[in-house]
Amino acid sequence: MIELLVYALVALGIFFLLVAAIGVVRMPDLYNRMHATSKAGTLGVGLILVAVAVFYQELSVAARALSALAFIILTAPVAAHALGRASYLSGVKPCEDTYIDELAGHYQKNHKLESVDKTTPSSPTES
């Protein structure tokens, strides 16, 4: 019975990794590709790590697998955000089908994001 659960988890993990790979090939620009790989890739690897923890049924293996899963869940979104921001600041343009660029005009020359809401003071002494 446990083997069937492990097979199902691994199969689902492989499916989501396949979706991530197809997303890299099919998506039109860098930002969409990053979204596909960070979401589907994290889910695929997570399911495979859960399958490892279930298969071995040892506390030490499960702790290592779950700590690796926690590390991936915590770092994948941060890495995708950092890559997306660096790409945007270096001038990588989104595809032509992108209608709204909400960051246009909000970055200063030193790459610091200006406040979008100009009515709120940034410090208590400005009011």
N, C-alpha and C. Protein backbone atom coordinates (compact mmCIF):
# COMPACT_ATOMS: atom_id res chain seq x y z
N MET A 1 0.81 -1.19 0.00
CA MET A 1 0.00 0.00 0.00
C MET A 1 0.86 1.26 0.00
N ILE A 2 1.94 1.24 0.78
CA ILE A 2 2.82 2.40 0.83
C ILE A 2 3.53 2.57 -0.51
N GLU A 3 3.84 1.46 -1.17
CA GLU A 3 4.50 1.56 -2.47
C GLU A 3 3.62 2.28 -3.48
N LEU A 4 2.31 2.03 -3.43
CA LEU A 4 1.40 2.73 -4.34
C LEU A 4 1.38 4.23 -4.07
N LEU A 5 1.40 4.61 -2.80
CA LEU A 5 1.46 6.03 -2.45
C LEU A 5 2.76 6.66 -2.95
N VAL A 6 3.86 5.94 -2.78
CA VAL A 6 5.15 6.45 -3.24
C VAL A 6 5.15 6.59 -4.76
N TYR A 7 4.62 5.59 -5.47
CA TYR A 7 4.54 5.67 -6.93
C TYR A 7 3.69 6.85 -7.37
N ALA A 8 2.58 7.06 -6.67
CA ALA A 8 1.69 8.18 -7.03
C ALA A 8 2.39 9.52 -6.79
N LEU A 9 3.08 9.66 -5.67
CA LEU A 9 3.79 10.91 -5.38
C LEU A 9 4.90 11.17 -6.38
N VAL A 10 5.65 10.13 -6.72
CA VAL A 10 6.74 10.30 -7.70
C VAL A 10 6.15 10.63 -9.07
N ALA A 11 5.07 9.96 -9.45
CA ALA A 11 4.45 10.24 -10.75
C ALA A 11 3.93 11.67 -10.81
N LEU A 12 3.30 12.14 -9.73
CA LEU A 12 2.84 13.54 -9.71
C LEU A 12 4.02 14.51 -9.75
N GLY A 13 5.09 14.18 -9.03
CA GLY A 13 6.28 15.02 -9.06
C GLY A 13 6.88 15.10 -10.45
N ILE A 14 6.96 13.96 -11.12
CA ILE A 14 7.49 13.94 -12.49
C ILE A 14 6.58 14.72 -13.43
N PHE A 15 5.26 14.60 -13.22
CA PHE A 15 4.32 15.36 -14.05
C PHE A 15 4.56 16.86 -13.91
N PHE A 16 4.69 17.35 -12.67
CA PHE A 16 4.90 18.78 -12.48
C PHE A 16 6.27 19.23 -12.98
N LEU A 17 7.28 18.40 -12.88
CA LEU A 17 8.58 18.74 -13.46
C LEU A 17 8.50 18.78 -14.98
N LEU A 18 7.71 17.90 -15.56
CA LEU A 18 7.49 17.94 -17.01
C LEU A 18 6.75 19.21 -17.41
N VAL A 19 5.76 19.61 -16.62
CA VAL A 19 5.05 20.86 -16.89
C VAL A 19 6.01 22.05 -16.82
N ALA A 20 6.92 22.04 -15.85
CA ALA A 20 7.92 23.11 -15.74
C ALA A 20 8.83 23.13 -16.96
N ALA A 21 9.25 21.96 -17.42
CA ALA A 21 10.12 21.89 -18.60
C ALA A 21 9.39 22.38 -19.85
N ILE A 22 8.14 22.00 -19.98
CA ILE A 22 7.35 22.46 -21.13
C ILE A 22 7.14 23.97 -21.03
N GLY A 23 6.95 24.48 -19.82
CA GLY A 23 6.80 25.92 -19.63
C GLY A 23 8.03 26.70 -20.06
N VAL A 24 9.21 26.14 -19.83
CA VAL A 24 10.44 26.81 -20.26
C VAL A 24 10.50 26.90 -21.78
N VAL A 25 10.04 25.87 -22.44
CA VAL A 25 10.09 25.84 -23.90
C VAL A 25 8.97 26.69 -24.52
N ARG A 26 7.78 26.65 -23.95
CA ARG A 26 6.60 27.25 -24.57
C ARG A 26 6.33 28.71 -24.20
N MET A 27 6.78 29.16 -23.06
CA MET A 27 6.46 30.51 -22.62
C MET A 27 7.22 31.55 -23.45
N PRO A 28 6.61 32.72 -23.67
CA PRO A 28 7.18 33.68 -24.62
C PRO A 28 8.34 34.52 -24.10
N ASP A 29 8.45 34.74 -22.81
CA ASP A 29 9.53 35.60 -22.33
C ASP A 29 10.09 35.08 -21.01
N LEU A 30 11.12 35.75 -20.55
CA LEU A 30 11.85 35.33 -19.35
C LEU A 30 10.97 35.29 -18.12
N TYR A 31 10.11 36.27 -17.96
CA TYR A 31 9.30 36.38 -16.75
C TYR A 31 8.29 35.23 -16.67
N ASN A 32 7.66 34.88 -17.76
CA ASN A 32 6.74 33.75 -17.77
C ASN A 32 7.47 32.43 -17.58
N ARG A 33 8.64 32.30 -18.13
CA ARG A 33 9.43 31.08 -17.95
C ARG A 33 9.84 30.91 -16.49
N MET A 34 10.23 32.01 -15.86
CA MET A 34 10.60 31.93 -14.44
C MET A 34 9.41 31.52 -13.59
N HIS A 35 8.24 32.03 -13.93
CA HIS A 35 7.04 31.68 -13.18
C HIS A 35 6.76 30.18 -13.31
N ALA A 36 6.86 29.66 -14.52
CA ALA A 36 6.59 28.24 -14.74
C ALA A 36 7.58 27.36 -13.99
N THR A 37 8.84 27.70 -14.06
CA THR A 37 9.84 26.85 -13.41
C THR A 37 9.81 26.97 -11.89
N SER A 38 9.57 28.16 -11.37
CA SER A 38 9.60 28.29 -9.91
C SER A 38 8.38 27.64 -9.26
N LYS A 39 7.23 27.74 -9.87
CA LYS A 39 6.03 27.15 -9.27
C LYS A 39 5.97 25.64 -9.49
N ALA A 40 5.97 25.22 -10.74
CA ALA A 40 5.82 23.79 -11.05
C ALA A 40 7.05 23.00 -10.62
N GLY A 41 8.22 23.57 -10.76
CA GLY A 41 9.44 22.88 -10.35
C GLY A 41 9.50 22.65 -8.86
N THR A 42 9.11 23.65 -8.08
CA THR A 42 9.09 23.51 -6.63
C THR A 42 8.09 22.45 -6.20
N LEU A 43 6.92 22.45 -6.81
CA LEU A 43 5.92 21.44 -6.46
C LEU A 43 6.38 20.04 -6.85
N GLY A 44 7.00 19.90 -8.02
CA GLY A 44 7.48 18.59 -8.47
C GLY A 44 8.57 18.03 -7.56
N VAL A 45 9.54 18.85 -7.24
CA VAL A 45 10.62 18.40 -6.35
C VAL A 45 10.07 18.12 -4.96
N GLY A 46 9.13 18.94 -4.51
CA GLY A 46 8.53 18.71 -3.20
C GLY A 46 7.80 17.39 -3.10
N LEU A 47 7.05 17.05 -4.14
CA LEU A 47 6.35 15.76 -4.12
C LEU A 47 7.33 14.59 -4.13
N ILE A 48 8.40 14.70 -4.86
CA ILE A 48 9.39 13.63 -4.89
C ILE A 48 10.09 13.50 -3.54
N LEU A 49 10.38 14.61 -2.88
CA LEU A 49 10.99 14.54 -1.55
C LEU A 49 10.03 13.94 -0.51
N VAL A 50 8.75 14.26 -0.62
CA VAL A 50 7.78 13.63 0.27
C VAL A 50 7.73 12.13 0.00
N ALA A 51 7.81 11.73 -1.27
CA ALA A 51 7.83 10.31 -1.61
C ALA A 51 9.05 9.62 -0.99
N VAL A 52 10.19 10.27 -0.99
CA VAL A 52 11.39 9.71 -0.36
C VAL A 52 11.16 9.52 1.13
N ALA A 53 10.57 10.53 1.78
CA ALA A 53 10.32 10.42 3.23
C ALA A 53 9.35 9.29 3.54
N VAL A 54 8.34 9.11 2.70
CA VAL A 54 7.36 8.04 2.93
C VAL A 54 7.98 6.67 2.65
N PHE A 55 8.79 6.58 1.61
CA PHE A 55 9.36 5.29 1.21
C PHE A 55 10.30 4.72 2.27
N TYR A 56 11.21 5.54 2.78
CA TYR A 56 12.22 5.01 3.70
C TYR A 56 11.69 4.82 5.12
N GLN A 57 10.72 5.57 5.54
CA GLN A 57 10.09 5.45 6.85
C GLN A 57 11.09 5.43 8.00
N GLU A 58 12.11 6.21 7.88
CA GLU A 58 13.08 6.41 8.97
C GLU A 58 13.08 7.88 9.33
N LEU A 59 13.22 8.15 10.60
CA LEU A 59 13.16 9.53 11.05
C LEU A 59 14.29 10.37 10.48
N SER A 60 15.49 9.82 10.39
CA SER A 60 16.62 10.60 9.89
C SER A 60 16.45 10.95 8.41
N VAL A 61 15.98 9.99 7.62
CA VAL A 61 15.76 10.24 6.19
C VAL A 61 14.61 11.22 5.99
N ALA A 62 13.54 11.04 6.75
CA ALA A 62 12.39 11.94 6.64
C ALA A 62 12.76 13.36 7.06
N ALA A 63 13.57 13.49 8.10
CA ALA A 63 13.99 14.81 8.55
C ALA A 63 14.85 15.49 7.49
N ARG A 64 15.74 14.76 6.86
CA ARG A 64 16.57 15.34 5.80
C ARG A 64 15.74 15.72 4.59
N ALA A 65 14.80 14.85 4.21
CA ALA A 65 13.96 15.14 3.04
C ALA A 65 13.06 16.34 3.31
N LEU A 66 12.48 16.40 4.49
CA LEU A 66 11.59 17.51 4.80
C LEU A 66 12.35 18.82 5.02
N SER A 67 13.57 18.74 5.53
CA SER A 67 14.37 19.97 5.66
C SER A 67 14.81 20.46 4.28
N ALA A 68 15.12 19.54 3.37
CA ALA A 68 15.43 19.95 1.99
C ALA A 68 14.20 20.56 1.33
N LEU A 69 13.03 20.02 1.58
CA LEU A 69 11.79 20.56 1.05
C LEU A 69 11.54 21.97 1.60
N ALA A 70 11.75 22.15 2.89
CA ALA A 70 11.57 23.48 3.49
C ALA A 70 12.55 24.48 2.89
N PHE A 71 13.79 24.05 2.67
CA PHE A 71 14.79 24.93 2.06
C PHE A 71 14.36 25.34 0.65
N ILE A 72 13.86 24.41 -0.12
CA ILE A 72 13.44 24.71 -1.50
C ILE A 72 12.23 25.63 -1.49
N ILE A 73 11.27 25.37 -0.61
CA ILE A 73 10.08 26.21 -0.55
C ILE A 73 10.43 27.63 -0.12
N LEU A 74 11.41 27.78 0.75
CA LEU A 74 11.80 29.11 1.20
C LEU A 74 12.68 29.86 0.21
N THR A 75 13.50 29.15 -0.54
CA THR A 75 14.46 29.84 -1.40
C THR A 75 14.01 30.01 -2.84
N ALA A 76 13.16 29.16 -3.36
CA ALA A 76 12.76 29.26 -4.78
C ALA A 76 12.02 30.56 -5.09
N PRO A 77 11.05 31.00 -4.29
CA PRO A 77 10.39 32.27 -4.60
C PRO A 77 11.33 33.47 -4.48
N VAL A 78 12.22 33.43 -3.50
CA VAL A 78 13.16 34.54 -3.33
C VAL A 78 14.13 34.60 -4.51
N ALA A 79 14.61 33.45 -4.95
CA ALA A 79 15.52 33.42 -6.10
C ALA A 79 14.81 33.88 -7.37
N ALA A 80 13.57 33.46 -7.58
CA ALA A 80 12.83 33.89 -8.76
C ALA A 80 12.59 35.40 -8.73
N HIS A 81 12.29 35.93 -7.56
CA HIS A 81 12.09 37.37 -7.44
C HIS A 81 13.39 38.13 -7.72
N ALA A 82 14.49 37.65 -7.18
CA ALA A 82 15.78 38.32 -7.40
C ALA A 82 16.17 38.27 -8.88
N LEU A 83 15.97 37.14 -9.53
CA LEU A 83 16.28 37.04 -10.96
C LEU A 83 15.37 37.94 -11.79
N GLY A 84 14.09 37.98 -11.44
CA GLY A 84 13.16 38.84 -12.17
C GLY A 84 13.50 40.30 -12.01
N ARG A 85 13.85 40.71 -10.80
CA ARG A 85 14.20 42.12 -10.56
C ARG A 85 15.50 42.48 -11.29
N ALA A 86 16.48 41.60 -11.23
CA ALA A 86 17.73 41.87 -11.93
C ALA A 86 17.52 41.92 -13.43
N SER A 87 16.66 41.07 -13.94
CA SER A 87 16.36 41.09 -15.38
C SER A 87 15.65 42.37 -15.76
N TYR A 88 14.70 42.80 -14.94
CA TYR A 88 13.97 44.03 -15.23
C TYR A 88 14.90 45.23 -15.21
N LEU A 89 15.76 45.29 -14.20
CA LEU A 89 16.68 46.43 -14.09
C LEU A 89 17.75 46.43 -15.17
N SER A 90 18.08 45.26 -15.72
CA SER A 90 19.07 45.23 -16.79
C SER A 90 18.44 45.46 -18.16
N GLY A 91 17.12 45.60 -18.20
CA GLY A 91 16.47 45.98 -19.44
C GLY A 91 15.83 44.87 -20.25
N VAL A 92 15.65 43.70 -19.67
CA VAL A 92 14.99 42.61 -20.38
C VAL A 92 13.51 42.96 -20.52
N LYS A 93 13.03 43.04 -21.74
CA LYS A 93 11.66 43.45 -22.00
C LYS A 93 10.72 42.25 -21.95
N PRO A 94 9.52 42.45 -21.44
CA PRO A 94 8.52 41.37 -21.50
C PRO A 94 8.00 41.22 -22.93
N CYS A 95 7.23 40.17 -23.17
CA CYS A 95 6.71 39.93 -24.52
C CYS A 95 5.74 41.04 -24.93
N GLU A 96 5.43 41.09 -26.20
CA GLU A 96 4.57 42.15 -26.74
C GLU A 96 3.14 42.06 -26.20
N ASP A 97 2.72 40.88 -25.74
CA ASP A 97 1.36 40.71 -25.23
C ASP A 97 1.17 41.26 -23.82
N THR A 98 2.25 41.70 -23.18
CA THR A 98 2.16 42.28 -21.85
C THR A 98 1.66 43.72 -21.99
N TYR A 99 0.51 44.00 -21.40
CA TYR A 99 -0.11 45.31 -21.58
C TYR A 99 0.28 46.31 -20.52
N ILE A 100 0.48 45.86 -19.30
CA ILE A 100 0.72 46.78 -18.19
C ILE A 100 2.09 46.51 -17.59
N ASP A 101 2.88 47.57 -17.47
CA ASP A 101 4.15 47.50 -16.76
C ASP A 101 4.03 48.38 -15.54
N GLU A 102 3.69 47.78 -14.42
CA GLU A 102 3.42 48.55 -13.21
C GLU A 102 4.68 49.14 -12.59
N LEU A 103 5.85 48.68 -12.98
CA LEU A 103 7.09 49.21 -12.43
C LEU A 103 7.68 50.34 -13.27
N ALA A 104 7.14 50.58 -14.45
CA ALA A 104 7.69 51.61 -15.34
C ALA A 104 7.63 52.98 -14.66
N GLY A 105 8.78 53.64 -14.58
CA GLY A 105 8.86 54.96 -13.99
C GLY A 105 8.99 54.99 -12.48
N HIS A 106 9.02 53.85 -11.82
CA HIS A 106 9.10 53.84 -10.37
C HIS A 106 10.49 53.53 -9.84
N TYR A 107 11.42 53.15 -10.69
CA TYR A 107 12.78 52.89 -10.24
C TYR A 107 13.64 54.12 -10.48
N GLN A 108 14.43 54.48 -9.48
CA GLN A 108 15.34 55.61 -9.60
C GLN A 108 16.62 55.15 -10.30
N LYS A 109 17.53 56.06 -10.53
CA LYS A 109 18.80 55.72 -11.19
C LYS A 109 19.63 54.75 -10.37
N ASN A 110 19.51 54.79 -9.04
CA ASN A 110 20.28 53.90 -8.17
C ASN A 110 19.55 52.58 -7.92
N HIS A 111 18.52 52.28 -8.72
CA HIS A 111 17.75 51.03 -8.66
C HIS A 111 16.96 50.86 -7.38
N LYS A 112 16.61 51.97 -6.73
CA LYS A 112 15.73 51.89 -5.57
C LYS A 112 14.32 52.18 -6.03
N LEU A 113 13.38 51.42 -5.50
CA LEU A 113 11.99 51.57 -5.87
C LEU A 113 11.38 52.76 -5.16
N GLU A 114 10.80 53.69 -5.94
CA GLU A 114 10.12 54.83 -5.35
C GLU A 114 8.76 54.38 -4.83
N SER A 115 8.23 55.12 -3.91
CA SER A 115 6.90 54.81 -3.39
C SER A 115 5.86 55.10 -4.46
N VAL A 116 4.90 54.20 -4.59
CA VAL A 116 3.84 54.39 -5.57
C VAL A 116 2.83 55.39 -5.05
N ASP A 117 2.56 55.36 -3.76
CA ASP A 117 1.61 56.27 -3.14
C ASP A 117 2.35 57.51 -2.67
N LYS A 118 2.19 58.64 -3.36
CA LYS A 118 2.92 59.86 -3.02
C LYS A 118 2.25 60.64 -1.89
N THR A 119 1.03 60.26 -1.48
CA THR A 119 0.34 61.01 -0.43
C THR A 119 0.80 60.61 0.97
N THR A 120 1.38 59.44 1.13
CA THR A 120 1.83 58.97 2.44
C THR A 120 3.27 59.42 2.67
N PRO A 121 3.53 60.13 3.76
CA PRO A 121 4.93 60.52 4.04
C PRO A 121 5.78 59.30 4.37
N SER A 122 7.05 59.34 3.94
CA SER A 122 7.93 58.19 4.16
C SER A 122 8.53 58.17 5.56
N SER A 123 8.53 59.31 6.26
CA SER A 123 9.03 59.33 7.63
C SER A 123 8.13 60.22 8.48
N PRO A 124 8.11 60.02 9.78
CA PRO A 124 7.22 60.81 10.64
C PRO A 124 7.55 62.30 10.65
N THR A 125 8.78 62.69 10.31
CA THR A 125 9.17 64.10 10.36
C THR A 125 8.73 64.86 9.12
N GLU A 126 8.31 64.18 8.06
CA GLU A 126 7.92 64.86 6.82
C GLU A 126 6.52 65.45 6.90
N SER A 127 5.69 65.03 7.82
CA SER A 127 4.31 65.50 7.87
C SER A 127 4.17 66.84 8.52
